[in-house]
């Protein structure tokens, strides 16, 4: 049996339609497809505008697009160092079980170390036990000391209006 060739490369502007397709696939998997309002223009601007707001890599298995990871830098005031935050990691169903997700995490961990990051963090939906088990098998631990909060949509607009 021949080994599968895996390449992980930074996304390019030409990859935006592919990224958007995989983002839509991820949303269906997470049962959040009604929340996707991204389009090619918004994604292109976020990834390749000035300033770029996020970065992405694409994993290709034998030249077939298999997975992606989208990430950005945050900052720890306690460490006085940047961190790497993984917003999304998605492996297409036909490519699961081939260590592609692990390869993406290794790639991003190496990037975080190269960039002097003090942390590499991400969130996972509480019901996604396969992902949770996978992450924990790599040594990641859930952070139960913190509760994530989010403000969006109309509540965000109201807050921005001030007192």
N, C-alpha and C. Protein backbone atom coordinates (compact mmCIF):
# COMPACT_ATOMS: atom_id res chain seq x y z
N UNK A 1 0.84 -1.19 0.00
CA UNK A 1 0.00 0.00 0.00
C UNK A 1 0.89 1.25 0.00
N UNK A 2 0.58 2.18 -0.88
CA UNK A 2 1.37 3.39 -1.02
C UNK A 2 0.96 4.42 0.03
N UNK A 3 1.96 5.09 0.60
CA UNK A 3 1.69 6.13 1.60
C UNK A 3 1.03 7.33 0.94
N UNK A 4 0.12 7.94 1.65
CA UNK A 4 -0.56 9.13 1.16
C UNK A 4 0.33 10.34 1.36
N UNK A 5 0.45 11.15 0.30
CA UNK A 5 1.24 12.38 0.40
C UNK A 5 0.34 13.47 0.98
N UNK A 6 0.78 14.06 2.09
CA UNK A 6 0.04 15.13 2.74
C UNK A 6 0.86 16.41 2.67
N UNK A 7 0.23 17.47 2.20
CA UNK A 7 0.86 18.79 2.18
C UNK A 7 -0.02 19.74 2.96
N UNK A 8 0.61 20.55 3.80
CA UNK A 8 -0.09 21.61 4.52
C UNK A 8 0.55 22.91 4.08
N UNK A 9 -0.25 23.78 3.48
CA UNK A 9 0.26 25.02 2.92
C UNK A 9 -0.64 26.18 3.29
N UNK A 10 -0.06 27.38 3.38
CA UNK A 10 -0.90 28.55 3.62
C UNK A 10 -1.92 28.72 2.50
N UNK A 11 -3.12 29.11 2.88
CA UNK A 11 -4.16 29.39 1.88
C UNK A 11 -3.75 30.61 1.06
N UNK A 12 -4.18 30.64 -0.17
CA UNK A 12 -3.95 31.77 -1.07
C UNK A 12 -5.30 32.38 -1.43
N UNK A 13 -5.31 33.56 -2.02
CA UNK A 13 -6.59 34.14 -2.46
C UNK A 13 -7.37 33.20 -3.38
N UNK A 14 -6.68 32.41 -4.18
CA UNK A 14 -7.37 31.48 -5.08
C UNK A 14 -8.10 30.37 -4.31
N UNK A 15 -7.72 30.15 -3.05
CA UNK A 15 -8.34 29.11 -2.22
C UNK A 15 -9.62 29.56 -1.52
N UNK A 16 -9.98 30.83 -1.64
CA UNK A 16 -11.14 31.35 -0.91
C UNK A 16 -12.41 30.56 -1.21
N UNK A 17 -12.75 30.26 -2.47
CA UNK A 17 -13.97 29.46 -2.70
C UNK A 17 -13.92 28.09 -2.02
N UNK A 18 -12.77 27.44 -2.04
CA UNK A 18 -12.61 26.15 -1.38
C UNK A 18 -12.78 26.29 0.13
N UNK A 19 -12.15 27.30 0.71
CA UNK A 19 -12.31 27.53 2.15
C UNK A 19 -13.76 27.76 2.52
N UNK A 20 -14.45 28.57 1.73
CA UNK A 20 -15.85 28.85 2.03
C UNK A 20 -16.69 27.57 1.93
N UNK A 21 -16.38 26.73 0.97
CA UNK A 21 -17.10 25.45 0.85
C UNK A 21 -16.87 24.58 2.08
N UNK A 22 -15.62 24.52 2.55
CA UNK A 22 -15.34 23.69 3.73
C UNK A 22 -15.92 24.32 5.00
N UNK A 23 -15.96 25.64 5.07
CA UNK A 23 -16.61 26.31 6.20
C UNK A 23 -18.09 25.94 6.23
N UNK A 24 -18.72 25.90 5.07
CA UNK A 24 -20.13 25.50 4.99
C UNK A 24 -20.32 24.06 5.41
N UNK A 25 -19.40 23.18 5.01
CA UNK A 25 -19.47 21.77 5.42
C UNK A 25 -19.33 21.65 6.93
N UNK A 26 -18.41 22.41 7.51
CA UNK A 26 -18.23 22.41 8.95
C UNK A 26 -19.49 22.88 9.66
N UNK A 27 -20.11 23.92 9.14
CA UNK A 27 -21.33 24.45 9.75
C UNK A 27 -22.44 23.41 9.74
N UNK A 28 -22.56 22.65 8.68
CA UNK A 28 -23.56 21.58 8.63
C UNK A 28 -23.25 20.54 9.69
N UNK A 29 -21.98 20.13 9.80
CA UNK A 29 -21.58 19.14 10.80
C UNK A 29 -21.90 19.64 12.21
N UNK A 30 -21.65 20.92 12.47
CA UNK A 30 -21.89 21.48 13.80
C UNK A 30 -23.34 21.91 14.03
N UNK A 31 -24.20 21.68 13.04
CA UNK A 31 -25.61 22.05 13.11
C UNK A 31 -25.78 23.56 13.29
N UNK A 32 -24.91 24.33 12.61
CA UNK A 32 -24.91 25.79 12.71
C UNK A 32 -25.01 26.45 11.34
N UNK A 33 -25.49 25.72 10.34
CA UNK A 33 -25.49 26.26 8.98
C UNK A 33 -26.31 27.53 8.84
N UNK A 34 -27.30 27.73 9.71
CA UNK A 34 -28.12 28.95 9.66
C UNK A 34 -27.33 30.18 10.11
N UNK A 35 -26.14 29.99 10.69
CA UNK A 35 -25.35 31.11 11.18
C UNK A 35 -24.28 31.58 10.20
N UNK A 36 -24.11 30.87 9.09
CA UNK A 36 -23.07 31.23 8.14
C UNK A 36 -23.55 32.38 7.27
N UNK A 37 -22.89 33.53 7.42
CA UNK A 37 -23.18 34.68 6.56
C UNK A 37 -21.92 35.09 5.78
N UNK A 38 -20.86 34.33 5.96
CA UNK A 38 -19.61 34.61 5.23
C UNK A 38 -19.85 34.45 3.73
N UNK A 39 -19.16 35.27 2.96
CA UNK A 39 -19.14 35.10 1.52
C UNK A 39 -17.69 35.25 1.06
N UNK A 40 -17.44 35.03 -0.21
CA UNK A 40 -16.06 35.06 -0.70
C UNK A 40 -15.39 36.41 -0.46
N UNK A 41 -16.11 37.49 -0.68
CA UNK A 41 -15.52 38.82 -0.51
C UNK A 41 -15.11 39.06 0.95
N UNK A 42 -16.02 38.75 1.88
CA UNK A 42 -15.70 38.94 3.30
C UNK A 42 -14.52 38.08 3.73
N UNK A 43 -14.51 36.83 3.28
CA UNK A 43 -13.43 35.93 3.66
C UNK A 43 -12.11 36.37 3.05
N UNK A 44 -12.13 36.78 1.79
CA UNK A 44 -10.91 37.25 1.12
C UNK A 44 -10.34 38.46 1.86
N UNK A 45 -11.20 39.40 2.22
CA UNK A 45 -10.77 40.59 2.94
C UNK A 45 -10.19 40.24 4.31
N UNK A 46 -10.83 39.31 5.01
CA UNK A 46 -10.36 38.93 6.34
C UNK A 46 -9.00 38.24 6.29
N UNK A 47 -8.78 37.41 5.29
CA UNK A 47 -7.55 36.63 5.21
C UNK A 47 -6.41 37.34 4.47
N UNK A 48 -6.78 38.20 3.51
CA UNK A 48 -5.74 38.76 2.65
C UNK A 48 -5.79 40.28 2.54
N UNK A 49 -6.67 40.91 3.31
CA UNK A 49 -6.75 42.37 3.31
C UNK A 49 -5.62 42.97 4.13
N UNK A 50 -5.65 44.29 4.22
CA UNK A 50 -4.66 45.00 5.02
C UNK A 50 -5.39 45.76 6.11
N UNK A 51 -5.26 45.35 7.36
CA UNK A 51 -4.48 44.19 7.82
C UNK A 51 -5.25 42.89 7.65
N UNK A 52 -4.54 41.80 7.55
CA UNK A 52 -5.18 40.49 7.56
C UNK A 52 -5.65 40.23 8.98
N UNK A 53 -6.85 39.73 9.12
CA UNK A 53 -7.43 39.48 10.45
C UNK A 53 -7.25 38.05 10.92
N UNK A 54 -6.95 37.16 9.99
CA UNK A 54 -6.79 35.74 10.31
C UNK A 54 -5.92 35.11 9.23
N UNK A 55 -5.53 33.87 9.49
CA UNK A 55 -4.74 33.10 8.53
C UNK A 55 -5.39 31.72 8.40
N UNK A 56 -5.07 31.05 7.31
CA UNK A 56 -5.60 29.70 7.10
C UNK A 56 -4.56 28.85 6.41
N UNK A 57 -4.62 27.57 6.70
CA UNK A 57 -3.82 26.58 5.99
C UNK A 57 -4.77 25.52 5.46
N UNK A 58 -4.36 24.93 4.35
CA UNK A 58 -5.14 23.85 3.74
C UNK A 58 -4.27 22.61 3.69
N UNK A 59 -4.84 21.49 4.11
CA UNK A 59 -4.18 20.19 4.01
C UNK A 59 -4.70 19.50 2.76
N UNK A 60 -3.76 19.06 1.94
CA UNK A 60 -4.13 18.33 0.72
C UNK A 60 -3.52 16.93 0.81
N UNK A 61 -4.36 15.94 0.59
CA UNK A 61 -3.94 14.55 0.59
C UNK A 61 -3.93 14.08 -0.86
N UNK A 62 -2.76 13.73 -1.34
CA UNK A 62 -2.61 13.37 -2.76
C UNK A 62 -3.25 14.43 -3.66
N UNK A 63 -2.97 15.68 -3.34
CA UNK A 63 -3.44 16.85 -4.09
C UNK A 63 -4.95 17.10 -3.99
N UNK A 64 -5.65 16.35 -3.17
CA UNK A 64 -7.08 16.57 -2.96
C UNK A 64 -7.27 17.39 -1.69
N UNK A 65 -8.09 18.45 -1.74
CA UNK A 65 -8.31 19.25 -0.52
C UNK A 65 -9.03 18.42 0.54
N UNK A 66 -8.34 18.20 1.65
CA UNK A 66 -8.83 17.30 2.69
C UNK A 66 -9.30 18.02 3.95
N UNK A 67 -8.68 19.17 4.26
CA UNK A 67 -8.96 19.81 5.55
C UNK A 67 -8.44 21.24 5.53
N UNK A 68 -8.89 21.99 6.53
CA UNK A 68 -8.36 23.34 6.71
C UNK A 68 -8.31 23.68 8.18
N UNK A 69 -7.49 24.66 8.49
CA UNK A 69 -7.47 25.26 9.83
C UNK A 69 -7.40 26.77 9.63
N UNK A 70 -8.21 27.49 10.38
CA UNK A 70 -8.22 28.95 10.34
C UNK A 70 -7.89 29.44 11.74
N UNK A 71 -6.95 30.38 11.86
CA UNK A 71 -6.43 30.79 13.15
C UNK A 71 -6.04 32.26 13.13
N UNK A 72 -5.81 32.80 14.32
CA UNK A 72 -5.35 34.19 14.46
C UNK A 72 -4.60 34.31 15.77
N UNK A 73 -3.97 35.47 15.95
CA UNK A 73 -3.24 35.71 17.19
C UNK A 73 -4.12 36.44 18.19
N UNK A 74 -4.02 36.03 19.44
CA UNK A 74 -4.57 36.78 20.56
C UNK A 74 -3.39 37.20 21.43
N UNK A 75 -3.64 37.65 22.63
CA UNK A 75 -2.54 38.13 23.46
C UNK A 75 -2.83 37.84 24.92
N UNK A 76 -1.81 37.40 25.64
CA UNK A 76 -1.91 37.17 27.08
C UNK A 76 -1.20 38.30 27.81
N UNK A 77 -1.95 39.06 28.58
CA UNK A 77 -1.32 40.11 29.39
C UNK A 77 -0.46 39.50 30.49
N UNK A 78 -0.86 38.35 31.03
CA UNK A 78 -0.08 37.72 32.10
C UNK A 78 1.27 37.22 31.59
N UNK A 79 1.30 36.72 30.37
CA UNK A 79 2.55 36.24 29.78
C UNK A 79 3.29 37.33 29.02
N UNK A 80 2.58 38.39 28.66
CA UNK A 80 3.12 39.44 27.80
C UNK A 80 3.64 38.84 26.49
N UNK A 81 2.86 37.89 25.98
CA UNK A 81 3.21 37.19 24.75
C UNK A 81 1.96 36.92 23.94
N UNK A 82 2.13 36.79 22.63
CA UNK A 82 0.99 36.42 21.81
C UNK A 82 0.61 34.96 22.04
N UNK A 83 -0.59 34.65 21.65
CA UNK A 83 -1.05 33.27 21.63
C UNK A 83 -1.59 32.98 20.24
N UNK A 84 -1.76 31.71 19.95
CA UNK A 84 -2.36 31.31 18.69
C UNK A 84 -3.72 30.73 19.02
N UNK A 85 -4.76 31.27 18.39
CA UNK A 85 -6.12 30.79 18.64
C UNK A 85 -6.63 30.12 17.38
N UNK A 86 -6.98 28.86 17.50
CA UNK A 86 -7.54 28.08 16.40
C UNK A 86 -9.05 28.30 16.39
N UNK A 87 -9.52 29.00 15.39
CA UNK A 87 -10.96 29.26 15.27
C UNK A 87 -11.69 28.03 14.75
N UNK A 88 -11.16 27.42 13.70
CA UNK A 88 -11.81 26.25 13.13
C UNK A 88 -10.78 25.28 12.56
N UNK A 89 -11.05 24.01 12.77
CA UNK A 89 -10.30 22.93 12.13
C UNK A 89 -11.35 21.97 11.61
N UNK A 90 -11.24 21.62 10.34
CA UNK A 90 -12.23 20.73 9.73
C UNK A 90 -11.53 19.76 8.80
N UNK A 91 -11.83 18.47 8.98
CA UNK A 91 -11.36 17.43 8.09
C UNK A 91 -12.58 16.86 7.39
N UNK A 92 -12.55 16.86 6.07
CA UNK A 92 -13.66 16.31 5.30
C UNK A 92 -13.85 14.83 5.64
N UNK A 93 -15.11 14.36 5.67
CA UNK A 93 -15.38 12.98 6.10
C UNK A 93 -14.57 11.91 5.39
N UNK A 94 -14.37 12.03 4.09
CA UNK A 94 -13.64 11.01 3.34
C UNK A 94 -12.18 10.90 3.74
N UNK A 95 -11.67 11.91 4.46
CA UNK A 95 -10.26 11.94 4.83
C UNK A 95 -10.03 11.71 6.32
N UNK A 96 -11.08 11.47 7.07
CA UNK A 96 -10.92 11.26 8.50
C UNK A 96 -10.26 9.92 8.78
N UNK A 97 -9.58 9.84 9.93
CA UNK A 97 -8.92 8.61 10.31
C UNK A 97 -7.54 8.45 9.70
N UNK A 98 -7.02 9.49 9.07
CA UNK A 98 -5.70 9.43 8.43
C UNK A 98 -4.67 10.34 9.11
N UNK A 99 -4.99 10.80 10.31
CA UNK A 99 -4.10 11.67 11.11
C UNK A 99 -3.91 13.06 10.49
N UNK A 100 -4.84 13.48 9.65
CA UNK A 100 -4.73 14.80 9.04
C UNK A 100 -5.01 15.89 10.07
N UNK A 101 -6.01 15.68 10.92
CA UNK A 101 -6.29 16.65 11.98
C UNK A 101 -5.09 16.80 12.90
N UNK A 102 -4.48 15.69 13.27
CA UNK A 102 -3.29 15.75 14.13
C UNK A 102 -2.16 16.47 13.41
N UNK A 103 -1.99 16.21 12.12
CA UNK A 103 -0.94 16.89 11.36
C UNK A 103 -1.17 18.40 11.33
N UNK A 104 -2.42 18.81 11.21
CA UNK A 104 -2.72 20.25 11.24
C UNK A 104 -2.39 20.85 12.60
N UNK A 105 -2.75 20.15 13.67
CA UNK A 105 -2.44 20.65 15.02
C UNK A 105 -0.94 20.71 15.26
N UNK A 106 -0.20 19.73 14.80
CA UNK A 106 1.26 19.75 14.93
C UNK A 106 1.81 20.95 14.15
N UNK A 107 1.33 21.15 12.94
CA UNK A 107 1.77 22.28 12.11
C UNK A 107 1.54 23.60 12.84
N UNK A 108 0.34 23.77 13.42
CA UNK A 108 0.03 25.02 14.12
C UNK A 108 0.82 25.16 15.41
N UNK A 109 1.05 24.06 16.11
CA UNK A 109 1.87 24.12 17.33
C UNK A 109 3.29 24.55 16.97
N UNK A 110 3.83 24.03 15.89
CA UNK A 110 5.17 24.44 15.45
C UNK A 110 5.18 25.93 15.09
N UNK A 111 4.13 26.37 14.42
CA UNK A 111 4.02 27.79 14.06
C UNK A 111 3.96 28.65 15.33
N UNK A 112 3.18 28.22 16.32
CA UNK A 112 3.07 28.96 17.57
C UNK A 112 4.43 29.06 18.26
N UNK A 113 5.18 27.97 18.29
CA UNK A 113 6.51 27.99 18.90
C UNK A 113 7.43 28.92 18.13
N UNK A 114 7.42 28.82 16.80
CA UNK A 114 8.27 29.69 15.97
C UNK A 114 7.96 31.16 16.19
N UNK A 115 6.70 31.48 16.42
CA UNK A 115 6.27 32.87 16.59
C UNK A 115 6.36 33.35 18.03
N UNK A 116 6.86 32.54 18.93
CA UNK A 116 7.02 32.94 20.31
C UNK A 116 5.73 32.99 21.10
N UNK A 117 4.76 32.22 20.71
CA UNK A 117 3.47 32.22 21.40
C UNK A 117 3.58 31.48 22.73
N UNK A 118 2.86 31.97 23.72
CA UNK A 118 2.84 31.33 25.02
C UNK A 118 1.72 30.32 25.17
N UNK A 119 0.76 30.37 24.25
CA UNK A 119 -0.40 29.48 24.34
C UNK A 119 -0.90 29.12 22.94
N UNK A 120 -1.54 27.97 22.86
CA UNK A 120 -2.25 27.54 21.66
C UNK A 120 -3.60 27.06 22.17
N UNK A 121 -4.65 27.76 21.79
CA UNK A 121 -5.97 27.50 22.37
C UNK A 121 -7.03 27.36 21.29
N UNK A 122 -8.14 26.71 21.67
CA UNK A 122 -9.30 26.60 20.80
C UNK A 122 -10.48 26.20 21.67
N UNK A 123 -11.65 26.25 21.07
CA UNK A 123 -12.88 25.83 21.76
C UNK A 123 -13.49 24.68 20.96
N UNK A 124 -14.25 23.86 21.65
CA UNK A 124 -14.94 22.75 20.99
C UNK A 124 -16.35 22.70 21.57
N UNK A 125 -17.31 22.39 20.71
CA UNK A 125 -18.69 22.28 21.18
C UNK A 125 -18.79 21.17 22.22
N UNK A 126 -19.58 21.40 23.26
CA UNK A 126 -19.64 20.45 24.37
C UNK A 126 -20.15 19.07 23.95
N UNK A 127 -20.99 19.00 22.92
CA UNK A 127 -21.54 17.72 22.49
C UNK A 127 -20.61 16.93 21.57
N UNK A 128 -19.51 17.55 21.10
CA UNK A 128 -18.64 16.92 20.13
C UNK A 128 -17.60 16.03 20.83
N UNK A 129 -18.08 14.91 21.34
CA UNK A 129 -17.21 14.00 22.10
C UNK A 129 -16.06 13.43 21.28
N UNK A 130 -16.26 13.09 19.99
CA UNK A 130 -15.11 12.59 19.23
C UNK A 130 -13.97 13.62 19.17
N UNK A 131 -14.30 14.89 18.96
CA UNK A 131 -13.25 15.93 18.92
C UNK A 131 -12.63 16.10 20.30
N UNK A 132 -13.45 16.11 21.33
CA UNK A 132 -12.92 16.29 22.69
C UNK A 132 -11.96 15.15 23.05
N UNK A 133 -12.34 13.93 22.74
CA UNK A 133 -11.48 12.78 23.03
C UNK A 133 -10.18 12.87 22.24
N UNK A 134 -10.28 13.27 20.97
CA UNK A 134 -9.10 13.42 20.14
C UNK A 134 -8.15 14.46 20.72
N UNK A 135 -8.66 15.63 21.07
CA UNK A 135 -7.81 16.69 21.61
C UNK A 135 -7.16 16.26 22.93
N UNK A 136 -7.93 15.60 23.77
CA UNK A 136 -7.38 15.16 25.05
C UNK A 136 -6.32 14.09 24.86
N UNK A 137 -6.45 13.27 23.79
CA UNK A 137 -5.43 12.25 23.53
C UNK A 137 -4.09 12.88 23.16
N UNK A 138 -4.12 14.13 22.72
CA UNK A 138 -2.90 14.86 22.36
C UNK A 138 -2.30 15.63 23.53
N UNK A 139 -3.00 15.62 24.67
CA UNK A 139 -2.51 16.34 25.84
C UNK A 139 -3.24 17.63 26.11
N UNK A 140 -4.20 18.01 25.27
CA UNK A 140 -4.98 19.22 25.52
C UNK A 140 -5.96 18.94 26.66
N UNK A 141 -6.20 19.96 27.45
CA UNK A 141 -7.11 19.81 28.58
C UNK A 141 -8.20 20.86 28.50
N UNK A 142 -9.44 20.47 28.84
CA UNK A 142 -10.50 21.48 28.87
C UNK A 142 -10.20 22.50 29.97
N UNK A 143 -10.53 23.72 29.73
CA UNK A 143 -10.28 24.78 30.70
C UNK A 143 -11.61 25.12 31.38
N UNK A 144 -11.90 24.42 32.45
CA UNK A 144 -13.18 24.60 33.13
C UNK A 144 -13.17 25.78 34.10
N UNK A 145 -12.03 26.44 34.24
CA UNK A 145 -11.95 27.60 35.14
C UNK A 145 -12.57 28.84 34.53
N UNK A 146 -12.74 28.85 33.23
CA UNK A 146 -13.24 30.02 32.53
C UNK A 146 -14.54 29.67 31.81
N UNK A 147 -15.44 30.62 31.75
CA UNK A 147 -16.67 30.48 30.98
C UNK A 147 -16.60 31.48 29.84
N UNK A 148 -16.76 30.99 28.63
CA UNK A 148 -16.73 31.88 27.47
C UNK A 148 -18.02 32.68 27.40
N UNK A 149 -17.89 33.95 27.07
CA UNK A 149 -19.05 34.81 26.83
C UNK A 149 -18.96 35.33 25.41
N UNK A 150 -20.10 35.60 24.84
CA UNK A 150 -20.16 36.15 23.49
C UNK A 150 -21.27 37.19 23.44
N UNK A 151 -20.99 38.25 22.75
CA UNK A 151 -22.02 39.24 22.46
C UNK A 151 -21.99 39.47 20.96
N UNK A 152 -23.13 39.42 20.34
CA UNK A 152 -23.20 39.51 18.87
C UNK A 152 -24.52 40.13 18.45
N UNK A 153 -24.61 40.41 17.17
CA UNK A 153 -25.86 40.89 16.59
C UNK A 153 -26.38 42.16 17.24
N UNK A 154 -27.66 42.17 17.54
CA UNK A 154 -28.31 43.36 18.09
C UNK A 154 -27.75 43.73 19.46
N UNK A 155 -27.42 42.76 20.28
CA UNK A 155 -26.85 43.06 21.60
C UNK A 155 -25.50 43.77 21.44
N UNK A 156 -24.72 43.38 20.48
CA UNK A 156 -23.44 44.05 20.22
C UNK A 156 -23.68 45.50 19.76
N UNK A 157 -24.63 45.69 18.89
CA UNK A 157 -24.94 47.05 18.42
C UNK A 157 -25.42 47.93 19.57
N UNK A 158 -26.27 47.39 20.43
CA UNK A 158 -26.75 48.17 21.58
C UNK A 158 -25.60 48.56 22.50
N UNK A 159 -24.70 47.61 22.79
CA UNK A 159 -23.57 47.90 23.65
C UNK A 159 -22.67 48.97 23.02
N UNK A 160 -22.47 48.90 21.74
CA UNK A 160 -21.62 49.86 21.04
C UNK A 160 -22.20 51.27 21.07
N UNK A 161 -23.52 51.37 21.22
CA UNK A 161 -24.16 52.69 21.29
C UNK A 161 -23.85 53.41 22.60
N UNK A 162 -23.34 52.66 23.56
CA UNK A 162 -22.96 53.27 24.82
C UNK A 162 -24.12 53.41 25.79
N UNK A 163 -23.87 54.16 26.87
CA UNK A 163 -24.85 54.28 27.95
C UNK A 163 -26.17 54.88 27.51
